[in-house]
Amino acid sequence: MTDIFKALSDPTRREVLRILKSGPRSAGDLAEAFPVSKPTMSAHFSVLRTAGLVSTQKTGKSVIYHLNVSVLEEALLGFASAFGFGENRASGRPAKEKELP
């Protein structure tokens, strides 16, 4: 989960994820959306891949990035459950609130 939150901590990487929400994009198309160098974007892509938030597909000379929504959902659910929010996933019922001392 640390890799996921590290990836989400950067506004450029969050914007890449927002762009990918509308569908797969090539690395070149994504890089053109940002005023930074290609090596910088490559480093951002690497962080997103390491976190499992994106997957890649090689198509000829292009690398196509896909958003892995399930990884993001699991991270957010795990984060919420760590603080007692959300549903009891096994029963489908809301989780009981913990009483504070």
N, C-alpha and C. Protein backbone atom coordinates (compact mmCIF):
# COMPACT_ATOMS: atom_id res chain seq x y z
N MET A 1 0.82 -1.19 0.00
CA MET A 1 0.00 0.00 0.00
C MET A 1 0.88 1.26 0.00
N THR A 2 2.07 1.17 0.54
CA THR A 2 2.97 2.32 0.56
C THR A 2 3.29 2.80 -0.85
N ASP A 3 3.53 1.86 -1.77
CA ASP A 3 3.81 2.24 -3.16
C ASP A 3 2.63 2.97 -3.79
N ILE A 4 1.43 2.55 -3.45
CA ILE A 4 0.24 3.19 -4.02
C ILE A 4 0.12 4.63 -3.52
N PHE A 5 0.30 4.83 -2.22
CA PHE A 5 0.17 6.19 -1.70
C PHE A 5 1.33 7.07 -2.14
N LYS A 6 2.51 6.49 -2.33
CA LYS A 6 3.63 7.26 -2.89
C LYS A 6 3.27 7.72 -4.29
N ALA A 7 2.69 6.83 -5.08
CA ALA A 7 2.31 7.18 -6.45
C ALA A 7 1.24 8.26 -6.46
N LEU A 8 0.29 8.17 -5.56
CA LEU A 8 -0.80 9.13 -5.52
C LEU A 8 -0.40 10.48 -4.93
N SER A 9 0.76 10.54 -4.28
CA SER A 9 1.18 11.78 -3.63
C SER A 9 1.60 12.86 -4.61
N ASP A 10 1.86 12.50 -5.84
CA ASP A 10 2.34 13.48 -6.83
C ASP A 10 1.20 13.93 -7.74
N PRO A 11 1.01 15.25 -7.92
CA PRO A 11 -0.09 15.74 -8.75
C PRO A 11 0.02 15.32 -10.22
N THR A 12 1.23 15.20 -10.74
CA THR A 12 1.38 14.75 -12.13
C THR A 12 0.87 13.33 -12.29
N ARG A 13 1.24 12.47 -11.36
CA ARG A 13 0.79 11.07 -11.45
C ARG A 13 -0.72 10.97 -11.26
N ARG A 14 -1.29 11.79 -10.37
CA ARG A 14 -2.74 11.78 -10.21
C ARG A 14 -3.42 12.23 -11.50
N GLU A 15 -2.84 13.20 -12.18
CA GLU A 15 -3.42 13.67 -13.45
C GLU A 15 -3.30 12.59 -14.52
N VAL A 16 -2.20 11.85 -14.56
CA VAL A 16 -2.06 10.72 -15.50
C VAL A 16 -3.21 9.73 -15.26
N LEU A 17 -3.49 9.41 -14.01
CA LEU A 17 -4.57 8.48 -13.69
C LEU A 17 -5.92 9.03 -14.13
N ARG A 18 -6.13 10.34 -13.93
CA ARG A 18 -7.39 10.95 -14.38
C ARG A 18 -7.54 10.85 -15.90
N ILE A 19 -6.45 11.08 -16.62
CA ILE A 19 -6.49 10.97 -18.09
C ILE A 19 -6.80 9.53 -18.50
N LEU A 20 -6.16 8.57 -17.84
CA LEU A 20 -6.37 7.16 -18.19
C LEU A 20 -7.76 6.67 -17.82
N LYS A 21 -8.44 7.40 -16.97
CA LYS A 21 -9.82 7.02 -16.61
C LYS A 21 -10.72 7.00 -17.85
N SER A 22 -10.39 7.83 -18.85
CA SER A 22 -11.20 7.87 -20.06
C SER A 22 -10.80 6.80 -21.08
N GLY A 23 -9.72 6.08 -20.80
CA GLY A 23 -9.31 4.99 -21.69
C GLY A 23 -7.81 4.93 -21.85
N PRO A 24 -7.30 3.82 -22.41
CA PRO A 24 -5.87 3.63 -22.59
C PRO A 24 -5.26 4.71 -23.47
N ARG A 25 -4.01 5.05 -23.18
CA ARG A 25 -3.28 6.06 -23.96
C ARG A 25 -1.84 5.62 -24.13
N SER A 26 -1.23 6.08 -25.20
CA SER A 26 0.19 5.79 -25.41
C SER A 26 1.02 6.68 -24.50
N ALA A 27 2.25 6.23 -24.24
CA ALA A 27 3.17 7.01 -23.41
C ALA A 27 3.39 8.38 -24.04
N GLY A 28 3.51 8.44 -25.36
CA GLY A 28 3.72 9.71 -26.05
C GLY A 28 2.56 10.67 -25.87
N ASP A 29 1.33 10.14 -26.01
CA ASP A 29 0.15 10.98 -25.82
C ASP A 29 0.08 11.52 -24.40
N LEU A 30 0.38 10.67 -23.45
CA LEU A 30 0.37 11.11 -22.05
C LEU A 30 1.44 12.16 -21.80
N ALA A 31 2.63 11.93 -22.31
CA ALA A 31 3.75 12.86 -22.09
C ALA A 31 3.46 14.24 -22.67
N GLU A 32 2.75 14.28 -23.80
CA GLU A 32 2.43 15.55 -24.43
C GLU A 32 1.51 16.42 -23.58
N ALA A 33 0.80 15.82 -22.65
CA ALA A 33 -0.14 16.56 -21.80
C ALA A 33 0.55 17.30 -20.66
N PHE A 34 1.88 17.13 -20.52
CA PHE A 34 2.59 17.71 -19.39
C PHE A 34 3.81 18.50 -19.86
N PRO A 35 4.10 19.61 -19.18
CA PRO A 35 5.24 20.44 -19.57
C PRO A 35 6.56 19.98 -18.93
N VAL A 36 6.83 18.69 -19.01
CA VAL A 36 8.06 18.15 -18.43
C VAL A 36 8.74 17.27 -19.48
N SER A 37 9.99 16.91 -19.22
CA SER A 37 10.75 16.11 -20.18
C SER A 37 10.23 14.66 -20.24
N LYS A 38 10.55 13.98 -21.32
CA LYS A 38 10.16 12.58 -21.45
C LYS A 38 10.81 11.70 -20.38
N PRO A 39 12.09 11.93 -20.02
CA PRO A 39 12.65 11.14 -18.93
C PRO A 39 11.91 11.34 -17.59
N THR A 40 11.45 12.56 -17.34
CA THR A 40 10.69 12.81 -16.12
C THR A 40 9.37 12.04 -16.16
N MET A 41 8.70 12.07 -17.31
CA MET A 41 7.44 11.33 -17.44
C MET A 41 7.69 9.83 -17.31
N SER A 42 8.80 9.36 -17.87
CA SER A 42 9.14 7.95 -17.75
C SER A 42 9.29 7.54 -16.28
N ALA A 43 9.89 8.42 -15.48
CA ALA A 43 10.02 8.13 -14.04
C ALA A 43 8.65 8.08 -13.38
N HIS A 44 7.75 8.98 -13.76
CA HIS A 44 6.39 8.96 -13.22
C HIS A 44 5.68 7.64 -13.60
N PHE A 45 5.83 7.25 -14.87
CA PHE A 45 5.21 6.00 -15.32
C PHE A 45 5.74 4.81 -14.53
N SER A 46 7.03 4.82 -14.25
CA SER A 46 7.65 3.73 -13.49
C SER A 46 7.05 3.62 -12.09
N VAL A 47 6.85 4.75 -11.44
CA VAL A 47 6.25 4.75 -10.10
C VAL A 47 4.83 4.19 -10.16
N LEU A 48 4.07 4.59 -11.17
CA LEU A 48 2.69 4.11 -11.32
C LEU A 48 2.66 2.60 -11.60
N ARG A 49 3.60 2.11 -12.42
CA ARG A 49 3.67 0.67 -12.71
C ARG A 49 4.05 -0.11 -11.45
N THR A 50 5.05 0.39 -10.71
CA THR A 50 5.49 -0.28 -9.49
C THR A 50 4.35 -0.42 -8.49
N ALA A 51 3.52 0.60 -8.42
CA ALA A 51 2.38 0.59 -7.50
C ALA A 51 1.24 -0.29 -8.02
N GLY A 52 1.32 -0.71 -9.28
CA GLY A 52 0.27 -1.54 -9.86
C GLY A 52 -0.94 -0.73 -10.32
N LEU A 53 -0.82 0.59 -10.33
CA LEU A 53 -1.95 1.43 -10.72
C LEU A 53 -2.16 1.48 -12.23
N VAL A 54 -1.12 1.16 -12.98
CA VAL A 54 -1.24 1.09 -14.44
C VAL A 54 -0.57 -0.19 -14.92
N SER A 55 -1.03 -0.63 -16.07
CA SER A 55 -0.37 -1.75 -16.74
C SER A 55 -0.01 -1.27 -18.14
N THR A 56 0.91 -1.97 -18.77
CA THR A 56 1.35 -1.56 -20.10
C THR A 56 1.14 -2.68 -21.11
N GLN A 57 1.02 -2.25 -22.35
CA GLN A 57 0.89 -3.17 -23.47
C GLN A 57 1.76 -2.61 -24.58
N LYS A 58 2.67 -3.40 -25.08
CA LYS A 58 3.55 -2.97 -26.17
C LYS A 58 2.83 -3.21 -27.48
N THR A 59 2.69 -2.14 -28.27
CA THR A 59 2.05 -2.23 -29.58
C THR A 59 2.99 -1.61 -30.60
N GLY A 60 3.72 -2.45 -31.32
CA GLY A 60 4.74 -1.94 -32.23
C GLY A 60 5.81 -1.21 -31.44
N LYS A 61 6.03 0.06 -31.78
CA LYS A 61 7.02 0.86 -31.05
C LYS A 61 6.39 1.63 -29.89
N SER A 62 5.09 1.55 -29.77
CA SER A 62 4.38 2.31 -28.73
C SER A 62 4.14 1.47 -27.48
N VAL A 63 4.12 2.15 -26.36
CA VAL A 63 3.72 1.54 -25.09
C VAL A 63 2.39 2.16 -24.71
N ILE A 64 1.39 1.32 -24.53
CA ILE A 64 0.04 1.77 -24.19
C ILE A 64 -0.18 1.54 -22.70
N TYR A 65 -0.65 2.58 -22.02
CA TYR A 65 -0.92 2.49 -20.58
C TYR A 65 -2.41 2.32 -20.33
N HIS A 66 -2.71 1.44 -19.39
CA HIS A 66 -4.09 1.16 -18.98
C HIS A 66 -4.20 1.40 -17.48
N LEU A 67 -5.31 1.96 -17.05
CA LEU A 67 -5.58 2.18 -15.64
C LEU A 67 -6.03 0.88 -14.99
N ASN A 68 -5.46 0.54 -13.84
CA ASN A 68 -5.88 -0.63 -13.07
C ASN A 68 -6.77 -0.15 -11.92
N VAL A 69 -8.04 0.01 -12.21
CA VAL A 69 -8.97 0.57 -11.23
C VAL A 69 -9.07 -0.32 -10.00
N SER A 70 -9.02 -1.62 -10.17
CA SER A 70 -9.18 -2.53 -9.04
C SER A 70 -8.10 -2.33 -7.98
N VAL A 71 -6.88 -2.02 -8.39
CA VAL A 71 -5.80 -1.79 -7.44
C VAL A 71 -6.09 -0.54 -6.62
N LEU A 72 -6.55 0.50 -7.29
CA LEU A 72 -6.89 1.74 -6.61
C LEU A 72 -8.06 1.53 -5.65
N GLU A 73 -9.07 0.81 -6.09
CA GLU A 73 -10.22 0.52 -5.23
C GLU A 73 -9.81 -0.25 -3.99
N GLU A 74 -8.99 -1.26 -4.16
CA GLU A 74 -8.54 -2.07 -3.02
C GLU A 74 -7.74 -1.23 -2.03
N ALA A 75 -6.89 -0.35 -2.54
CA ALA A 75 -6.09 0.51 -1.67
C ALA A 75 -6.99 1.45 -0.87
N LEU A 76 -7.96 2.04 -1.54
CA LEU A 76 -8.86 2.96 -0.86
C LEU A 76 -9.73 2.24 0.17
N LEU A 77 -10.19 1.05 -0.18
CA LEU A 77 -10.98 0.26 0.78
C LEU A 77 -10.12 -0.15 1.97
N GLY A 78 -8.89 -0.54 1.71
CA GLY A 78 -7.99 -0.91 2.79
C GLY A 78 -7.69 0.26 3.70
N PHE A 79 -7.49 1.41 3.11
CA PHE A 79 -7.23 2.63 3.88
C PHE A 79 -8.44 2.97 4.73
N ALA A 80 -9.63 2.92 4.13
CA ALA A 80 -10.86 3.24 4.86
C ALA A 80 -11.10 2.25 6.00
N SER A 81 -10.87 0.98 5.74
CA SER A 81 -11.12 -0.02 6.78
C SER A 81 -10.12 0.09 7.92
N ALA A 82 -8.93 0.60 7.64
CA ALA A 82 -7.94 0.78 8.70
C ALA A 82 -8.42 1.80 9.72
N PHE A 83 -9.32 2.67 9.28
CA PHE A 83 -9.86 3.69 10.17
C PHE A 83 -11.31 3.39 10.57
N GLY A 84 -11.77 2.18 10.27
CA GLY A 84 -13.10 1.76 10.70
C GLY A 84 -14.23 2.24 9.82
N PHE A 85 -13.92 2.69 8.60
CA PHE A 85 -14.97 3.13 7.68
C PHE A 85 -15.29 2.02 6.70
N GLY A 86 -16.47 2.08 6.12
CA GLY A 86 -16.81 1.14 5.06
C GLY A 86 -17.70 0.03 5.53
N GLU A 87 -17.89 -0.91 4.65
CA GLU A 87 -18.77 -2.04 4.93
C GLU A 87 -17.97 -3.26 5.32
N ASN A 88 -18.61 -4.12 6.06
CA ASN A 88 -18.06 -5.44 6.32
C ASN A 88 -18.23 -6.21 5.02
N ARG A 89 -17.16 -6.40 4.29
CA ARG A 89 -17.25 -6.95 2.94
C ARG A 89 -17.78 -8.37 2.91
N ALA A 90 -17.57 -9.14 3.96
CA ALA A 90 -18.05 -10.53 3.97
C ALA A 90 -19.56 -10.58 4.08
N SER A 91 -20.15 -9.70 4.89
CA SER A 91 -21.59 -9.76 5.13
C SER A 91 -22.37 -8.78 4.27
N GLY A 92 -21.69 -7.76 3.73
CA GLY A 92 -22.39 -6.74 2.97
C GLY A 92 -23.08 -5.72 3.86
N ARG A 93 -22.88 -5.81 5.18
CA ARG A 93 -23.49 -4.88 6.12
C ARG A 93 -22.47 -3.83 6.53
N PRO A 94 -22.97 -2.67 6.96
CA PRO A 94 -22.03 -1.68 7.46
C PRO A 94 -21.24 -2.21 8.65
N ALA A 95 -19.97 -1.84 8.71
CA ALA A 95 -19.14 -2.27 9.82
C ALA A 95 -19.59 -1.57 11.10
N LYS A 96 -19.51 -2.29 12.21
CA LYS A 96 -19.88 -1.71 13.49
C LYS A 96 -18.86 -0.66 13.87
N GLU A 97 -19.36 0.42 14.42
CA GLU A 97 -18.44 1.47 14.87
C GLU A 97 -17.82 1.03 16.19
N LYS A 98 -16.55 1.33 16.33
CA LYS A 98 -15.84 0.99 17.55
C LYS A 98 -16.14 2.05 18.58
N GLU A 99 -16.33 1.60 19.81
CA GLU A 99 -16.58 2.54 20.89
C GLU A 99 -15.25 3.08 21.37
N LEU A 100 -15.23 4.38 21.58
CA LEU A 100 -14.03 5.01 22.10
C LEU A 100 -14.05 4.95 23.62
N PRO A 101 -12.89 4.80 24.26
CA PRO A 101 -12.85 4.73 25.73
C PRO A 101 -13.23 6.03 26.37
